[in-house]
Amino acid sequence: MAKIKKRKNTSMTLITIILLMIISLILIAGIGTKPRCGNNECETGETCTSCPQDCGSCPTTTTIKITTTTVPTTTTLLPTTTTFLPNITTTKISDSCTDSDGGLKYYVKGTVSGYHLGAPFSKTDFCTGDTLTEYYCLTYYGDRNYNCAYAGKKCVDGACV
């Protein structure tokens, strides 16, 4: 009788251990848990729409409608006068960049100028103490700071001398 009780207790202990392992695996894997909005974690199932406090606000889009009108050419005939109204046209200005000193030339003062996205720009090399801000052309323009003292020079009026 004692053997049967011992075997029964061992079986119950084994079943209990297996059940505890299954429950632990479920908890570790997160199976059956729902995302909790407001816990500062953007979890699977949460989106910027359903839980902006965890996932952040959704990106916004703006639609701009542009309407263009072309004025037709009209001719008005009067006894002695003819008036012509021209069509209105627009010209797109291409991006451009010109550097008067030819690029990264720290010993020559220069100016970059041109157009970027239809807007004109002009930047001239300048000094801040012995640090030269040298402009040069990229797609439109870039700038680089250079310490003239590294070359034993001083920065004077936009150039290392």
Foldseek 3Di string as FASTA:
>chain_A
DVVVVVVVVVVVVVVVVVVVVVVVVCVVVVPPPDDDAPPLAQDPPHELVRHCVNHNHDDDDDDDDDDDDWDDWDWDDDPPDIDTDDIDDDDAFAADKDWPVAFPAQADKIKIWTDDRRHTDIDTWDDDWQWIWDWGDDSHIDTDIDRLVVVPFGTDGRHTD
